[in-house]
Amino acid sequence: RRRLRPNQSLRMIENRFVTTETSFISLAAWDRCVDPNLRPSFGERGLPVYAAVDASTKHDSTAIVVTHWDKKAQQVRLVFHRIYQPSPDQPLDFEGTIERTILDLRKRFLLRKALFDPWQMQATAQRLTRLGVKVEEFPQSPANLTTASQNLYELIQGQGLVVYPDADLRLAISRAVAIETPRGWRIGK
């Protein structure tokens, strides 16, 4: 029961009928990962970090998340994040936001790699590559999303993730929905 999602446990262990959608993680589990003394870092030049970008031009949030693997603590640490909210009236300018932020991160940290979904960011990735940023495609395929969702779930449940207090992140995690599919479960939104 500790390893399974709540609905999965009810279905598999108690043989009960349940919906395929459920909340991704309890806020109590998320709150155990929050270090009230931690703050976003705006620069630690030698700190090796990885950035991940999920971009949208008009209808969905765009997020850049930067993490560091702390070998001593054996935890993933949230170092920095930025959320942009484009709209149909004010679409996101990828060069002025995402690219500028990634290039700034490269100046402030030891940026090992920036991962991105190639669907909307191919041109951005090409420009960043020409500027010497190591980028890697991470398509939002069902297999990739299932693997990433399971990994994040286990990090949160096992307190292998440490984050700074942030109301927007807490709100996003409270709204995240897990969808069970034949391949496993994944975050739907």
N, C-alpha and C. Protein backbone atom coordinates (compact mmCIF):
# COMPACT_ATOMS: atom_id res chain seq x y z
N ARG A 1 0.82 -1.20 0.00
CA ARG A 1 0.00 0.00 0.00
C ARG A 1 0.85 1.25 0.00
N ARG A 2 2.03 1.20 0.64
CA ARG A 2 2.89 2.38 0.65
C ARG A 2 3.44 2.69 -0.73
N ARG A 3 3.64 1.67 -1.55
CA ARG A 3 4.25 1.87 -2.86
C ARG A 3 3.23 2.18 -3.95
N LEU A 4 1.97 1.81 -3.74
CA LEU A 4 0.95 2.00 -4.77
C LEU A 4 0.22 3.32 -4.56
N ARG A 5 -0.31 3.84 -5.64
CA ARG A 5 -1.16 5.03 -5.55
C ARG A 5 -2.44 4.62 -4.84
N PRO A 6 -3.14 5.54 -4.18
CA PRO A 6 -4.33 5.17 -3.40
C PRO A 6 -5.37 4.37 -4.19
N ASN A 7 -5.76 4.84 -5.38
CA ASN A 7 -6.76 4.11 -6.15
C ASN A 7 -6.23 2.77 -6.64
N GLN A 8 -4.97 2.72 -6.96
CA GLN A 8 -4.36 1.47 -7.40
C GLN A 8 -4.39 0.44 -6.27
N SER A 9 -4.12 0.90 -5.06
CA SER A 9 -4.15 0.03 -3.90
C SER A 9 -5.57 -0.49 -3.65
N LEU A 10 -6.54 0.41 -3.73
CA LEU A 10 -7.93 -0.03 -3.53
C LEU A 10 -8.34 -1.07 -4.56
N ARG A 11 -7.94 -0.86 -5.81
CA ARG A 11 -8.32 -1.77 -6.88
C ARG A 11 -7.60 -3.11 -6.76
N MET A 12 -6.28 -3.05 -6.55
CA MET A 12 -5.47 -4.27 -6.56
C MET A 12 -5.52 -5.05 -5.25
N ILE A 13 -5.51 -4.36 -4.13
CA ILE A 13 -5.46 -5.02 -2.82
C ILE A 13 -6.85 -5.32 -2.29
N GLU A 14 -7.75 -4.34 -2.40
CA GLU A 14 -9.09 -4.52 -1.84
C GLU A 14 -10.13 -4.93 -2.87
N ASN A 15 -9.72 -5.05 -4.13
CA ASN A 15 -10.60 -5.49 -5.22
C ASN A 15 -11.85 -4.62 -5.31
N ARG A 16 -11.66 -3.29 -5.21
CA ARG A 16 -12.77 -2.36 -5.30
C ARG A 16 -12.74 -1.66 -6.65
N PHE A 17 -13.92 -1.26 -7.11
CA PHE A 17 -14.02 -0.50 -8.35
C PHE A 17 -13.65 0.95 -8.05
N VAL A 18 -12.72 1.49 -8.83
CA VAL A 18 -12.29 2.88 -8.64
C VAL A 18 -12.10 3.53 -10.01
N THR A 19 -12.06 4.82 -10.02
CA THR A 19 -11.82 5.57 -11.25
C THR A 19 -10.35 5.48 -11.64
N THR A 20 -10.06 5.77 -12.90
CA THR A 20 -8.66 5.72 -13.35
C THR A 20 -7.94 7.04 -13.06
N GLU A 21 -8.66 8.04 -12.57
CA GLU A 21 -8.03 9.32 -12.23
C GLU A 21 -8.08 9.53 -10.73
N THR A 22 -7.00 10.08 -10.21
CA THR A 22 -6.91 10.38 -8.80
C THR A 22 -5.90 11.51 -8.62
N SER A 23 -5.86 12.11 -7.45
CA SER A 23 -4.86 13.15 -7.22
C SER A 23 -3.47 12.49 -7.30
N PHE A 24 -2.52 13.23 -7.84
CA PHE A 24 -1.19 12.68 -8.06
C PHE A 24 -0.49 12.36 -6.75
N ILE A 25 -0.51 13.29 -5.83
CA ILE A 25 0.23 13.11 -4.57
C ILE A 25 -0.53 13.86 -3.47
N SER A 26 -0.45 13.39 -2.27
CA SER A 26 -1.11 14.11 -1.17
C SER A 26 -0.28 15.35 -0.82
N LEU A 27 -0.97 16.38 -0.40
CA LEU A 27 -0.24 17.59 0.01
C LEU A 27 0.61 17.33 1.24
N ALA A 28 0.22 16.39 2.07
CA ALA A 28 1.03 16.04 3.24
C ALA A 28 2.39 15.48 2.78
N ALA A 29 2.39 14.63 1.75
CA ALA A 29 3.64 14.09 1.23
C ALA A 29 4.49 15.20 0.62
N TRP A 30 3.86 16.10 -0.13
CA TRP A 30 4.60 17.23 -0.70
C TRP A 30 5.21 18.10 0.40
N ASP A 31 4.40 18.40 1.41
CA ASP A 31 4.86 19.28 2.50
C ASP A 31 6.05 18.67 3.25
N ARG A 32 6.15 17.34 3.30
CA ARG A 32 7.31 16.73 3.94
C ARG A 32 8.60 16.98 3.15
N CYS A 33 8.46 17.30 1.87
CA CYS A 33 9.63 17.58 1.02
C CYS A 33 10.05 19.05 1.07
N VAL A 34 9.22 19.89 1.66
CA VAL A 34 9.50 21.32 1.71
C VAL A 34 10.42 21.63 2.89
N ASP A 35 11.55 22.26 2.58
CA ASP A 35 12.47 22.73 3.61
C ASP A 35 12.22 24.22 3.79
N PRO A 36 11.65 24.62 4.93
CA PRO A 36 11.30 26.03 5.12
C PRO A 36 12.51 26.97 5.11
N ASN A 37 13.70 26.42 5.28
CA ASN A 37 14.91 27.25 5.28
C ASN A 37 15.55 27.37 3.90
N LEU A 38 15.06 26.59 2.94
CA LEU A 38 15.62 26.61 1.59
C LEU A 38 14.99 27.73 0.78
N ARG A 39 15.79 28.37 -0.05
CA ARG A 39 15.31 29.43 -0.94
C ARG A 39 15.78 29.13 -2.35
N PRO A 40 15.12 29.73 -3.35
CA PRO A 40 15.62 29.56 -4.72
C PRO A 40 17.04 30.13 -4.80
N SER A 41 17.87 29.48 -5.57
CA SER A 41 19.24 29.95 -5.75
C SER A 41 19.30 30.77 -7.03
N PHE A 42 19.97 31.90 -6.94
CA PHE A 42 20.11 32.75 -8.11
C PHE A 42 21.53 32.71 -8.65
N GLY A 43 22.32 31.80 -8.11
CA GLY A 43 23.65 31.62 -8.66
C GLY A 43 24.59 30.90 -7.71
N GLU A 44 25.09 29.77 -8.15
CA GLU A 44 26.15 29.02 -7.48
C GLU A 44 27.00 28.48 -8.62
N ARG A 45 27.95 29.26 -9.08
CA ARG A 45 28.67 29.03 -10.33
C ARG A 45 29.15 27.60 -10.53
N GLY A 46 29.63 26.92 -9.53
CA GLY A 46 30.15 25.57 -9.72
C GLY A 46 29.12 24.47 -9.49
N LEU A 47 27.89 24.83 -9.16
CA LEU A 47 26.88 23.84 -8.84
C LEU A 47 26.35 23.18 -10.12
N PRO A 48 26.54 21.86 -10.27
CA PRO A 48 26.02 21.18 -11.46
C PRO A 48 24.50 21.05 -11.38
N VAL A 49 23.82 21.53 -12.41
CA VAL A 49 22.36 21.51 -12.44
C VAL A 49 21.86 21.00 -13.78
N TYR A 50 20.61 20.59 -13.76
CA TYR A 50 19.90 20.16 -14.96
C TYR A 50 18.63 21.00 -15.05
N ALA A 51 18.31 21.45 -16.25
CA ALA A 51 17.09 22.22 -16.47
C ALA A 51 16.13 21.41 -17.32
N ALA A 52 14.85 21.56 -17.05
CA ALA A 52 13.81 20.94 -17.87
C ALA A 52 12.81 22.03 -18.22
N VAL A 53 12.38 22.01 -19.48
CA VAL A 53 11.46 23.03 -19.98
C VAL A 53 10.23 22.37 -20.55
N ASP A 54 9.07 22.85 -20.13
CA ASP A 54 7.80 22.44 -20.73
C ASP A 54 7.18 23.73 -21.25
N ALA A 55 7.07 23.85 -22.57
CA ALA A 55 6.69 25.13 -23.17
C ALA A 55 5.34 25.10 -23.86
N SER A 56 4.69 26.25 -23.84
CA SER A 56 3.45 26.46 -24.54
C SER A 56 3.45 27.89 -25.04
N THR A 57 2.95 28.12 -26.22
CA THR A 57 2.96 29.48 -26.74
C THR A 57 1.74 30.30 -26.32
N LYS A 58 0.57 29.64 -26.17
CA LYS A 58 -0.63 30.44 -25.92
C LYS A 58 -1.55 29.95 -24.81
N HIS A 59 -1.74 28.64 -24.66
CA HIS A 59 -2.87 28.17 -23.86
C HIS A 59 -2.52 27.52 -22.53
N ASP A 60 -1.29 27.17 -22.31
CA ASP A 60 -0.92 26.46 -21.09
C ASP A 60 0.28 27.16 -20.47
N SER A 61 0.55 26.88 -19.23
CA SER A 61 1.73 27.44 -18.58
C SER A 61 3.00 26.90 -19.21
N THR A 62 4.03 27.70 -19.15
CA THR A 62 5.36 27.29 -19.55
C THR A 62 6.19 27.28 -18.28
N ALA A 63 6.96 26.22 -18.07
CA ALA A 63 7.75 26.13 -16.84
C ALA A 63 9.18 25.73 -17.16
N ILE A 64 10.09 26.32 -16.40
CA ILE A 64 11.49 25.93 -16.41
C ILE A 64 11.84 25.55 -14.98
N VAL A 65 12.34 24.33 -14.83
CA VAL A 65 12.68 23.82 -13.50
C VAL A 65 14.15 23.41 -13.51
N VAL A 66 14.87 23.82 -12.48
CA VAL A 66 16.30 23.53 -12.37
C VAL A 66 16.53 22.73 -11.09
N THR A 67 17.21 21.58 -11.24
CA THR A 67 17.47 20.72 -10.09
C THR A 67 18.95 20.37 -9.98
N HIS A 68 19.31 19.91 -8.81
CA HIS A 68 20.68 19.47 -8.52
C HIS A 68 20.60 18.15 -7.76
N TRP A 69 21.46 17.20 -8.12
CA TRP A 69 21.54 15.93 -7.37
C TRP A 69 22.55 16.12 -6.26
N ASP A 70 22.09 16.09 -5.02
CA ASP A 70 22.95 16.23 -3.85
C ASP A 70 23.41 14.83 -3.45
N LYS A 71 24.65 14.50 -3.80
CA LYS A 71 25.17 13.15 -3.53
C LYS A 71 25.21 12.84 -2.04
N LYS A 72 25.63 13.83 -1.26
CA LYS A 72 25.77 13.60 0.18
C LYS A 72 24.41 13.29 0.83
N ALA A 73 23.39 14.07 0.49
CA ALA A 73 22.05 13.87 1.07
C ALA A 73 21.26 12.81 0.32
N GLN A 74 21.75 12.42 -0.88
CA GLN A 74 21.03 11.46 -1.72
C GLN A 74 19.62 11.97 -2.03
N GLN A 75 19.56 13.25 -2.42
CA GLN A 75 18.29 13.87 -2.74
C GLN A 75 18.42 14.74 -3.98
N VAL A 76 17.31 14.90 -4.66
CA VAL A 76 17.20 15.88 -5.73
C VAL A 76 16.74 17.17 -5.07
N ARG A 77 17.46 18.26 -5.35
CA ARG A 77 17.10 19.55 -4.75
C ARG A 77 16.60 20.49 -5.84
N LEU A 78 15.44 21.07 -5.61
CA LEU A 78 14.95 22.12 -6.50
C LEU A 78 15.81 23.35 -6.26
N VAL A 79 16.45 23.83 -7.31
CA VAL A 79 17.34 24.97 -7.20
C VAL A 79 16.63 26.27 -7.58
N PHE A 80 15.84 26.19 -8.65
CA PHE A 80 15.23 27.39 -9.21
C PHE A 80 14.09 26.96 -10.11
N HIS A 81 13.07 27.78 -10.22
CA HIS A 81 12.02 27.53 -11.21
C HIS A 81 11.45 28.87 -11.69
N ARG A 82 10.88 28.82 -12.85
CA ARG A 82 10.22 30.01 -13.41
C ARG A 82 9.00 29.52 -14.17
N ILE A 83 7.87 30.20 -13.97
CA ILE A 83 6.63 29.87 -14.65
C ILE A 83 6.17 31.09 -15.44
N TYR A 84 5.82 30.85 -16.70
CA TYR A 84 5.28 31.90 -17.56
C TYR A 84 3.86 31.49 -17.92
N GLN A 85 2.95 32.46 -17.98
CA GLN A 85 1.57 32.17 -18.35
C GLN A 85 1.20 32.96 -19.61
N PRO A 86 1.42 32.35 -20.78
CA PRO A 86 1.03 33.03 -22.01
C PRO A 86 -0.48 33.00 -22.21
N SER A 87 -0.95 33.76 -23.17
CA SER A 87 -2.37 33.76 -23.50
C SER A 87 -2.51 33.96 -25.01
N PRO A 88 -3.69 33.72 -25.56
CA PRO A 88 -3.86 33.95 -27.00
C PRO A 88 -3.55 35.40 -27.39
N ASP A 89 -3.85 36.34 -26.48
CA ASP A 89 -3.57 37.75 -26.76
C ASP A 89 -2.09 38.10 -26.57
N GLN A 90 -1.43 37.38 -25.70
CA GLN A 90 0.00 37.62 -25.43
C GLN A 90 0.76 36.30 -25.46
N PRO A 91 1.03 35.78 -26.67
CA PRO A 91 1.77 34.51 -26.77
C PRO A 91 3.19 34.67 -26.25
N LEU A 92 3.76 33.56 -25.87
CA LEU A 92 5.10 33.56 -25.29
C LEU A 92 6.16 33.74 -26.37
N ASP A 93 7.07 34.64 -26.14
CA ASP A 93 8.22 34.86 -27.01
C ASP A 93 9.33 33.94 -26.49
N PHE A 94 9.57 32.81 -27.17
CA PHE A 94 10.53 31.82 -26.70
C PHE A 94 11.94 32.40 -26.58
N GLU A 95 12.35 33.23 -27.54
CA GLU A 95 13.70 33.80 -27.48
C GLU A 95 13.85 34.73 -26.29
N GLY A 96 12.84 35.54 -26.03
CA GLY A 96 12.93 36.52 -24.95
C GLY A 96 12.71 35.94 -23.56
N THR A 97 12.14 34.74 -23.48
CA THR A 97 11.87 34.17 -22.16
C THR A 97 12.69 32.91 -21.93
N ILE A 98 12.33 31.84 -22.65
CA ILE A 98 12.98 30.55 -22.41
C ILE A 98 14.47 30.61 -22.73
N GLU A 99 14.81 31.07 -23.93
CA GLU A 99 16.23 31.10 -24.32
C GLU A 99 17.03 32.02 -23.41
N ARG A 100 16.49 33.18 -23.12
CA ARG A 100 17.20 34.12 -22.24
C ARG A 100 17.41 33.51 -20.86
N THR A 101 16.39 32.81 -20.34
CA THR A 101 16.51 32.19 -19.02
C THR A 101 17.54 31.07 -19.03
N ILE A 102 17.53 30.22 -20.05
CA ILE A 102 18.50 29.11 -20.13
C ILE A 102 19.92 29.65 -20.24
N LEU A 103 20.13 30.67 -21.06
CA LEU A 103 21.47 31.26 -21.19
C LEU A 103 21.92 31.91 -19.89
N ASP A 104 20.98 32.52 -19.18
CA ASP A 104 21.30 33.11 -17.88
C ASP A 104 21.66 32.02 -16.87
N LEU A 105 20.93 30.91 -16.90
CA LEU A 105 21.23 29.80 -16.00
C LEU A 105 22.63 29.26 -16.27
N ARG A 106 23.02 29.20 -17.53
CA ARG A 106 24.36 28.72 -17.89
C ARG A 106 25.44 29.62 -17.31
N LYS A 107 25.17 30.91 -17.19
CA LYS A 107 26.14 31.84 -16.60
C LYS A 107 26.21 31.68 -15.08
N ARG A 108 25.07 31.39 -14.47
CA ARG A 108 24.99 31.37 -13.01
C ARG A 108 25.29 30.02 -12.38
N PHE A 109 25.18 28.93 -13.15
CA PHE A 109 25.40 27.58 -12.63
C PHE A 109 26.26 26.80 -13.61
N LEU A 110 26.60 25.59 -13.24
CA LEU A 110 27.25 24.66 -14.15
C LEU A 110 26.12 23.85 -14.79
N LEU A 111 25.55 24.39 -15.87
CA LEU A 111 24.40 23.77 -16.52
C LEU A 111 24.86 22.57 -17.32
N ARG A 112 24.54 21.37 -16.83
CA ARG A 112 24.94 20.13 -17.49
C ARG A 112 24.13 19.86 -18.75
N LYS A 113 22.82 20.14 -18.65
CA LYS A 113 21.94 19.79 -19.76
C LYS A 113 20.60 20.48 -19.58
N ALA A 114 19.96 20.83 -20.69
CA ALA A 114 18.59 21.32 -20.67
C ALA A 114 17.75 20.33 -21.46
N LEU A 115 16.73 19.78 -20.82
CA LEU A 115 15.83 18.83 -21.47
C LEU A 115 14.57 19.56 -21.91
N PHE A 116 14.01 19.14 -23.05
CA PHE A 116 12.85 19.83 -23.59
C PHE A 116 12.01 18.88 -24.42
N ASP A 117 10.74 19.23 -24.56
CA ASP A 117 9.85 18.52 -25.46
C ASP A 117 10.02 19.15 -26.84
N PRO A 118 10.41 18.37 -27.84
CA PRO A 118 10.72 18.95 -29.15
C PRO A 118 9.52 19.49 -29.91
N TRP A 119 8.32 19.20 -29.48
CA TRP A 119 7.14 19.56 -30.25
C TRP A 119 7.11 21.06 -30.57
N GLN A 120 7.30 21.93 -29.58
CA GLN A 120 7.26 23.36 -29.82
C GLN A 120 8.62 24.03 -29.68
N MET A 121 9.63 23.28 -29.30
CA MET A 121 10.91 23.93 -28.97
C MET A 121 12.06 23.55 -29.89
N GLN A 122 11.79 23.01 -31.05
CA GLN A 122 12.88 22.59 -31.92
C GLN A 122 13.77 23.76 -32.33
N ALA A 123 13.18 24.87 -32.75
CA ALA A 123 13.98 26.04 -33.16
C ALA A 123 14.76 26.60 -31.98
N THR A 124 14.14 26.65 -30.81
CA THR A 124 14.82 27.12 -29.61
C THR A 124 16.01 26.22 -29.29
N ALA A 125 15.81 24.93 -29.37
CA ALA A 125 16.90 23.98 -29.09
C ALA A 125 18.04 24.15 -30.08
N GLN A 126 17.72 24.38 -31.33
CA GLN A 126 18.77 24.58 -32.33
C GLN A 126 19.58 25.84 -32.04
N ARG A 127 18.90 26.91 -31.68
CA ARG A 127 19.62 28.16 -31.35
C ARG A 127 20.48 27.98 -30.10
N LEU A 128 19.94 27.31 -29.08
CA LEU A 128 20.72 27.08 -27.85
C LEU A 128 21.93 26.19 -28.13
N THR A 129 21.76 25.18 -28.96
CA THR A 129 22.88 24.30 -29.32
C THR A 129 23.98 25.09 -30.01
N ARG A 130 23.60 25.97 -30.94
CA ARG A 130 24.60 26.81 -31.62
C ARG A 130 25.36 27.70 -30.64
N LEU A 131 24.70 28.05 -29.53
CA LEU A 131 25.34 28.90 -28.52
C LEU A 131 26.11 28.08 -27.48
N GLY A 132 26.17 26.77 -27.69
CA GLY A 132 26.98 25.93 -26.82
C GLY A 132 26.26 25.30 -25.64
N VAL A 133 24.96 25.39 -25.59
CA VAL A 133 24.20 24.77 -24.51
C VAL A 133 23.91 23.32 -24.91
N LYS A 134 24.17 22.40 -23.99
CA LYS A 134 23.86 21.00 -24.25
C LYS A 134 22.37 20.81 -23.99
N VAL A 135 21.65 20.43 -25.06
CA VAL A 135 20.22 20.21 -24.95
C VAL A 135 19.91 18.77 -25.33
N GLU A 136 18.82 18.26 -24.79
CA GLU A 136 18.41 16.90 -25.09
C GLU A 136 16.89 16.84 -25.20
N GLU A 137 16.42 16.20 -26.26
CA GLU A 137 14.98 16.03 -26.42
C GLU A 137 14.44 15.06 -25.38
N PHE A 138 13.27 15.40 -24.86
CA PHE A 138 12.52 14.51 -23.97
C PHE A 138 11.07 14.61 -24.41
N PRO A 139 10.72 13.86 -25.47
CA PRO A 139 9.35 13.93 -25.97
C PRO A 139 8.34 13.51 -24.90
N GLN A 140 7.21 14.17 -24.90
CA GLN A 140 6.17 13.85 -23.92
C GLN A 140 5.33 12.68 -24.42
N SER A 141 6.00 11.57 -24.68
CA SER A 141 5.33 10.34 -25.11
C SER A 141 4.73 9.66 -23.88
N PRO A 142 3.76 8.77 -24.08
CA PRO A 142 3.19 8.05 -22.93
C PRO A 142 4.26 7.32 -22.12
N ALA A 143 5.22 6.70 -22.79
CA ALA A 143 6.27 5.97 -22.05
C ALA A 143 7.13 6.92 -21.22
N ASN A 144 7.56 8.04 -21.80
CA ASN A 144 8.38 9.00 -21.06
C ASN A 144 7.61 9.62 -19.90
N LEU A 145 6.34 10.00 -20.15
CA LEU A 145 5.55 10.62 -19.09
C LEU A 145 5.25 9.64 -17.96
N THR A 146 5.04 8.38 -18.30
CA THR A 146 4.80 7.37 -17.27
C THR A 146 6.05 7.18 -16.41
N THR A 147 7.20 7.07 -17.05
CA THR A 147 8.46 6.91 -16.31
C THR A 147 8.75 8.12 -15.44
N ALA A 148 8.59 9.31 -16.00
CA ALA A 148 8.86 10.53 -15.23
C ALA A 148 7.88 10.69 -14.07
N SER A 149 6.62 10.39 -14.31
CA SER A 149 5.61 10.49 -13.25
C SER A 149 5.90 9.53 -12.11
N GLN A 150 6.24 8.29 -12.44
CA GLN A 150 6.55 7.30 -11.42
C GLN A 150 7.78 7.72 -10.62
N ASN A 151 8.79 8.23 -11.31
CA ASN A 151 10.01 8.67 -10.65
C ASN A 151 9.71 9.82 -9.68
N LEU A 152 8.95 10.81 -10.14
CA LEU A 152 8.61 11.94 -9.27
C LEU A 152 7.79 11.48 -8.07
N TYR A 153 6.85 10.59 -8.30
CA TYR A 153 6.03 10.06 -7.21
C TYR A 153 6.91 9.41 -6.15
N GLU A 154 7.84 8.56 -6.59
CA GLU A 154 8.72 7.87 -5.65
C GLU A 154 9.65 8.84 -4.93
N LEU A 155 10.13 9.86 -5.64
CA LEU A 155 10.98 10.87 -4.98
C LEU A 155 10.21 11.59 -3.88
N ILE A 156 8.97 11.97 -4.18
CA ILE A 156 8.16 12.69 -3.18
C ILE A 156 7.80 11.77 -2.02
N GLN A 157 7.31 10.57 -2.32
CA GLN A 157 6.91 9.64 -1.26
C GLN A 157 8.09 9.27 -0.35
N GLY A 158 9.28 9.10 -0.94
CA GLY A 158 10.45 8.70 -0.17
C GLY A 158 11.28 9.87 0.33
N GLN A 159 10.75 11.07 0.19
CA GLN A 159 11.45 12.30 0.57
C GLN A 159 12.84 12.36 -0.07
N GLY A 160 12.91 11.92 -1.31
CA GLY A 160 14.14 12.02 -2.09
C GLY A 160 14.20 13.32 -2.86
N LEU A 161 13.22 14.17 -2.64
CA LEU A 161 13.14 15.49 -3.26
C LEU A 161 13.05 16.51 -2.15
N VAL A 162 13.82 17.58 -2.27
CA VAL A 162 13.71 18.68 -1.31
C VAL A 162 13.49 19.96 -2.11
N VAL A 163 12.45 20.71 -1.70
CA VAL A 163 12.06 21.92 -2.41
C VAL A 163 11.96 23.07 -1.43
N TYR A 164 12.03 24.27 -1.97
CA TYR A 164 11.82 25.46 -1.15
C TYR A 164 10.32 25.77 -1.10
N PRO A 165 9.87 26.51 -0.10
CA PRO A 165 8.45 26.85 -0.02
C PRO A 165 8.07 27.74 -1.21
N ASP A 166 6.98 27.40 -1.88
CA ASP A 166 6.50 28.22 -2.99
C ASP A 166 5.02 27.92 -3.17
N ALA A 167 4.19 28.95 -3.06
CA ALA A 167 2.74 28.77 -3.14
C ALA A 167 2.30 28.28 -4.52
N ASP A 168 2.93 28.77 -5.59
CA ASP A 168 2.54 28.35 -6.94
C ASP A 168 2.86 26.87 -7.17
N LEU A 169 4.01 26.41 -6.69
CA LEU A 169 4.34 24.99 -6.84
C LEU A 169 3.37 24.12 -6.04
N ARG A 170 3.05 24.56 -4.84
CA ARG A 170 2.12 23.79 -4.00
C ARG A 170 0.74 23.71 -4.64
N LEU A 171 0.30 24.83 -5.23
CA LEU A 171 -0.98 24.84 -5.92
C LEU A 171 -0.94 23.89 -7.12
N ALA A 172 0.14 23.92 -7.89
CA ALA A 172 0.26 23.04 -9.06
C ALA A 172 0.24 21.57 -8.64
N ILE A 173 0.96 21.23 -7.58
CA ILE A 173 0.99 19.83 -7.15
C ILE A 173 -0.38 19.41 -6.61
N SER A 174 -1.11 20.34 -5.99
CA SER A 174 -2.44 20.00 -5.47
C SER A 174 -3.43 19.74 -6.61
N ARG A 175 -3.18 20.33 -7.77
CA ARG A 175 -4.06 20.17 -8.93
C ARG A 175 -3.63 19.04 -9.86
N ALA A 176 -2.46 18.48 -9.64
CA ALA A 176 -1.95 17.42 -10.52
C ALA A 176 -2.81 16.17 -10.38
N VAL A 177 -3.13 15.59 -11.52
CA VAL A 177 -3.99 14.41 -11.57
C VAL A 177 -3.20 13.25 -12.16
N ALA A 178 -3.29 12.10 -11.52
CA ALA A 178 -2.66 10.89 -12.03
C ALA A 178 -3.71 10.09 -12.79
N ILE A 179 -3.34 9.63 -13.97
CA ILE A 179 -4.23 8.83 -14.80
C ILE A 179 -3.62 7.45 -14.97
N GLU A 180 -4.39 6.43 -14.63
CA GLU A 180 -3.92 5.06 -14.78
C GLU A 180 -4.18 4.59 -16.20
N THR A 181 -3.14 4.08 -16.84
CA THR A 181 -3.23 3.58 -18.21
C THR A 181 -2.71 2.14 -18.22
N PRO A 182 -2.86 1.44 -19.32
CA PRO A 182 -2.31 0.08 -19.39
C PRO A 182 -0.79 0.04 -19.19
N ARG A 183 -0.08 1.13 -19.50
CA ARG A 183 1.37 1.18 -19.33
C ARG A 183 1.78 1.55 -17.91
N GLY A 184 0.85 1.95 -17.10
CA GLY A 184 1.15 2.45 -15.76
C GLY A 184 0.41 3.76 -15.59
N TRP A 185 0.70 4.50 -14.55
CA TRP A 185 0.03 5.76 -14.35
C TRP A 185 0.98 6.90 -14.67
N ARG A 186 0.37 8.02 -15.06
CA ARG A 186 1.15 9.21 -15.42
C ARG A 186 0.39 10.45 -14.99
N ILE A 187 1.12 11.54 -14.88
CA ILE A 187 0.48 12.81 -14.56
C ILE A 187 -0.26 13.28 -15.80
N GLY A 188 -1.53 13.59 -15.65
CA GLY A 188 -2.33 14.06 -16.78
C GLY A 188 -2.31 15.57 -16.88
N LYS A 189 -2.42 16.25 -15.78
CA LYS A 189 -2.35 17.72 -15.72
C LYS A 189 -1.96 18.11 -14.33
